[in-house]
Protein backbone atom coordinates (compact mmCIF):
# COMPACT_ATOMS: atom_id res chain seq x y z
CA MET A 1 234.78 111.51 86.08
CA THR A 2 231.00 109.59 86.02
CA GLU A 3 230.00 105.88 86.08
CA GLN A 4 228.69 106.64 82.40
CA ASN A 5 231.63 108.45 81.03
CA PHE A 6 233.70 104.99 82.59
CA GLU A 7 230.93 102.93 80.74
CA GLN A 8 231.86 104.59 77.38
CA MET A 9 235.24 103.72 78.14
CA ARG A 10 234.78 99.97 78.89
CA ARG A 11 232.86 100.14 75.36
CA ALA A 12 235.42 101.91 73.16
CA MET A 13 238.48 99.89 74.91
CA VAL A 14 236.45 96.27 73.15
CA ALA A 15 235.90 98.00 70.36
CA SER A 16 238.86 100.03 69.43
CA GLN A 17 241.69 98.45 72.07
CA LEU A 18 239.99 94.24 71.78
CA ARG A 19 238.20 94.32 68.63
CA THR A 20 240.73 96.10 65.63
CA THR A 21 243.75 93.66 66.94
CA GLY A 22 242.76 90.21 66.80
CA VAL A 23 240.37 89.47 69.36
CA ASN A 24 237.01 88.31 67.99
CA ASP A 25 236.47 85.59 70.68
CA PRO A 26 232.63 86.46 71.62
CA SER A 27 232.52 85.33 75.15
CA VAL A 28 236.24 87.41 75.72
CA LEU A 29 234.66 90.42 74.85
CA ALA A 30 231.17 90.36 76.86
CA ALA A 31 233.39 89.51 79.89
CA MET A 32 235.72 91.66 79.45
CA GLY A 33 233.14 94.18 78.72
CA ALA A 34 231.39 93.49 81.59
CA VAL A 35 233.92 94.24 84.55
CA ALA A 36 235.07 97.94 85.43
CA ARG A 37 239.25 98.28 85.29
CA GLU A 38 238.60 101.63 87.01
CA ARG A 39 237.84 100.08 90.50
CA PHE A 40 241.34 97.11 90.38
CA VAL A 41 243.50 100.55 89.76
CA PRO A 42 244.57 102.88 92.09
CA ALA A 43 241.46 106.00 92.50
CA GLU A 44 244.30 108.91 91.53
CA ARG A 45 244.76 106.42 88.36
CA ALA A 46 241.06 105.61 87.25
CA THR A 47 241.18 107.98 84.11
CA THR A 48 244.13 106.08 82.59
CA ALA A 49 242.59 103.08 83.55
CA TYR A 50 241.47 102.44 80.26
CA ALA A 51 244.96 103.20 78.12
CA ASP A 52 246.19 101.40 75.76
CA ALA A 53 249.61 100.58 78.16
CA PRO A 54 250.33 99.18 81.79
CA VAL A 55 248.40 101.53 84.45
CA ALA A 56 250.62 101.69 87.89
CA LEU A 57 249.39 99.58 90.81
CA GLY A 58 252.59 100.70 93.59
CA ASN A 59 255.45 98.55 94.65
CA GLY A 60 256.46 98.47 91.59
CA ARG A 61 253.02 96.00 89.57
CA PHE A 62 251.92 97.12 87.13
CA LEU A 63 247.68 95.93 85.23
CA ASN A 64 248.42 94.70 82.28
CA SER A 65 246.43 96.88 78.76
CA PRO A 66 243.24 95.48 77.90
CA MET A 67 245.03 94.21 74.36
CA ALA A 68 247.48 92.07 76.31
CA LEU A 69 244.86 89.93 78.85
CA GLY A 70 242.40 89.99 75.46
CA LYS A 71 244.26 88.55 73.08
CA LEU A 72 246.28 85.97 75.93
CA LEU A 73 242.43 84.81 76.57
CA ASN A 74 241.26 84.84 73.16
CA GLU A 75 243.89 82.54 72.86
CA ALA A 76 243.71 80.31 75.39
CA ASP A 77 240.42 79.66 74.70
CA PRO A 78 238.93 79.13 78.03
CA VAL A 79 235.05 77.42 78.72
CA ALA A 80 233.11 76.59 81.41
CA SER A 81 234.17 73.83 82.65
CA ASP A 82 237.79 74.81 82.89
CA ARG A 83 239.45 75.17 86.37
CA ALA A 84 241.86 78.45 86.44
CA LEU A 85 245.30 80.02 88.25
CA VAL A 86 245.36 83.49 87.61
CA VAL A 87 249.41 83.88 88.38
CA GLY A 88 250.84 87.35 89.08
CA ALA A 89 246.34 88.77 89.90
CA ALA A 90 247.76 91.61 91.75
CA THR A 91 244.25 93.59 92.02
CA GLY A 92 242.47 90.87 90.93
CA TYR A 93 241.37 92.42 87.02
CA ALA A 94 242.54 89.64 85.24
CA ALA A 95 240.62 87.12 87.59
CA ALA A 96 237.53 88.73 87.62
CA VAL A 97 236.82 88.69 83.93
CA LEU A 98 238.30 85.19 83.96
CA SER A 99 235.34 83.95 86.42
CA GLY A 100 232.86 84.80 83.67
CA LEU A 101 234.70 82.41 81.14
CA VAL A 102 235.72 79.70 83.44
CA GLY A 103 233.94 77.75 86.61
CA SER A 104 236.31 78.44 88.48
CA VAL A 105 239.28 80.92 89.03
CA VAL A 106 242.35 80.89 92.16
CA ALA A 107 243.71 83.64 91.93
CA LEU A 108 247.84 83.37 93.27
CA GLU A 109 249.18 86.95 94.49
CA GLU A 110 252.47 87.48 97.08
CA ASP A 111 252.84 90.89 97.71
CA GLN A 112 250.42 91.68 100.79
CA ASP A 113 249.10 95.38 99.71
CA LEU A 114 248.39 93.91 96.35
CA VAL A 115 246.47 90.59 97.88
CA ARG A 116 244.35 93.25 100.82
CA ARG A 117 242.95 95.47 97.94
CA ALA A 118 241.73 92.62 95.68
CA ARG A 119 239.94 90.16 98.53
CA THR A 120 238.42 93.47 98.72
CA LEU A 121 237.17 94.52 95.21
CA LEU A 122 236.84 90.82 94.08
CA LYS A 123 234.23 90.04 97.76
CA GLY A 124 231.31 88.85 96.10
CA GLN A 125 233.44 87.18 93.06
CA PRO A 126 233.36 83.24 92.72
CA VAL A 127 237.38 83.75 93.06
CA GLU A 128 239.17 81.94 95.83
CA PHE A 129 242.73 84.26 96.31
CA VAL A 130 245.46 83.40 97.45
CA GLN A 131 248.41 84.99 99.20
CA GLY A 132 251.61 82.49 98.00
CA GLN A 133 255.05 82.98 96.20
CA LEU A 134 254.28 83.74 92.28
CA ALA A 135 256.82 81.05 90.81
CA LYS A 136 255.41 77.86 93.34
CA GLY A 137 251.85 78.10 91.57
CA CYS A 138 248.64 76.82 93.90
CA LYS A 139 250.14 73.53 93.32
CA LYS A 140 247.07 73.04 96.72
CA ARG A 141 244.18 73.44 94.14
CA ALA A 142 244.84 71.93 90.93
CA PRO A 143 245.11 70.88 88.79
CA TYR A 144 244.20 73.13 86.43
CA ASP A 145 243.26 73.51 82.62
CA LEU A 146 244.20 76.53 82.38
CA ILE A 147 247.18 78.87 84.12
CA VAL A 148 246.96 82.38 83.10
CA ILE A 149 250.28 84.01 84.12
CA ASP A 150 250.12 88.00 83.65
CA GLY A 151 252.59 89.56 83.38
CA ALA A 152 256.21 88.45 81.40
CA VAL A 153 258.66 85.93 82.42
CA ASP A 154 262.07 84.89 81.92
CA HIS A 155 260.99 81.55 81.61
CA VAL A 156 257.48 79.47 82.77
CA PRO A 157 258.91 76.87 86.12
CA ASP A 158 258.50 73.14 85.69
CA THR A 159 256.22 73.94 89.20
CA LEU A 160 253.24 75.49 87.09
CA ILE A 161 253.04 73.25 84.48
CA ASP A 162 253.23 70.29 86.70
CA GLN A 163 250.09 71.46 87.81
CA LEU A 164 248.76 71.74 84.48
CA VAL A 165 246.49 68.88 83.25
CA ASP A 166 247.39 66.59 80.62
CA GLY A 167 245.95 68.78 77.70
CA GLY A 168 246.11 72.11 80.02
CA ARG A 169 247.05 75.51 78.45
CA LEU A 170 249.06 78.16 79.78
CA ALA A 171 248.94 81.75 78.38
CA THR A 172 251.46 84.12 79.10
CA GLY A 173 253.89 86.86 78.39
CA LEU A 174 257.14 85.74 77.70
CA ILE A 175 260.04 87.67 77.57
CA GLU A 176 263.06 86.25 74.44
CA HIS A 177 266.66 87.49 73.63
CA GLY A 178 265.14 91.09 75.70
CA VAL A 179 262.28 91.16 73.97
CA GLN A 180 258.72 91.02 75.11
CA ARG A 181 256.03 88.56 73.65
CA LEU A 182 252.52 86.65 74.24
CA ALA A 183 252.48 83.59 74.23
CA LEU A 184 250.32 79.66 74.46
CA GLY A 185 251.76 76.88 75.98
CA ARG A 186 250.48 72.73 76.46
CA ARG A 187 251.10 70.20 78.53
CA VAL A 188 250.78 66.63 76.53
CA GLY A 189 251.73 63.83 78.67
CA GLU A 190 254.99 64.96 79.83
CA ALA A 191 255.61 66.89 77.55
CA PHE A 192 255.03 71.12 77.28
CA GLY A 193 255.51 73.24 74.67
CA ILE A 194 254.70 76.72 74.02
CA THR A 195 254.59 79.11 71.07
CA ALA A 196 254.99 82.90 71.25
CA PHE A 197 252.19 84.79 68.88
CA ALA A 198 252.24 88.33 69.34
CA ASP A 199 254.55 91.16 70.74
CA ALA A 200 253.09 93.53 73.18
CA ALA A 201 254.87 94.82 76.35
CA VAL A 202 253.76 93.31 79.47
CA ALA A 203 254.87 94.15 83.29
CA GLU A 204 257.23 91.86 83.92
CA LEU A 205 256.35 90.32 86.93
CA PRO A 206 259.48 89.17 89.94
CA GLY A 207 260.73 85.79 90.99
CA PHE A 208 261.19 84.11 87.22
CA ALA A 209 264.13 84.69 86.58
CA ARG A 210 265.67 81.59 84.65
CA PRO A 211 267.97 79.35 86.40
CA ALA A 212 271.68 79.55 85.43
CA ALA A 213 272.90 77.47 83.84
CA PHE A 214 275.79 75.15 85.36
CA SER A 215 278.77 75.33 84.53
CA PHE A 216 282.24 73.42 86.21
């Protein structure tokens, strides 16, 4: 595969996977069209980087489909003044896309192998990569205007909600009754509400199991 082949695949991704599924924010389309997805997957899977499905990265982790990320960002409405956190950054693709849309990006990942690869791929990019537990967020760089959880979770922990500014948004994949959906939440004062807006196959992230209900 040549660079020209990948560029054609990237244009096709924007035209057939993003525009046709309601991703219509010109800035999101431009940002996703500018980042080479093939660099963020293992070399032997580069030809599948633009498939409309998650791509295996190793260690049970995946690069989510273009449609899933595109719809999350389209709904979250990132702006140039935003301070953003990407949770479950993996090899850094979502962080690279988001860096073209907002003022600053912190990318959080706990898998050491993925962190090592991401730091190499994002060298020179305006992204701060941090290794740590995903569900704990990155408190030292908080608060954030936007948090993107790049995967599906059973629930959104208070530790992440507390790192949002008043009015801040949180975009994520959410598992509801065994079904994966894309959802957008917003913090207003001390309250947080989240609403699912689309079904989508999104890889589940580790460490976000819903706490067991208390019982006597």
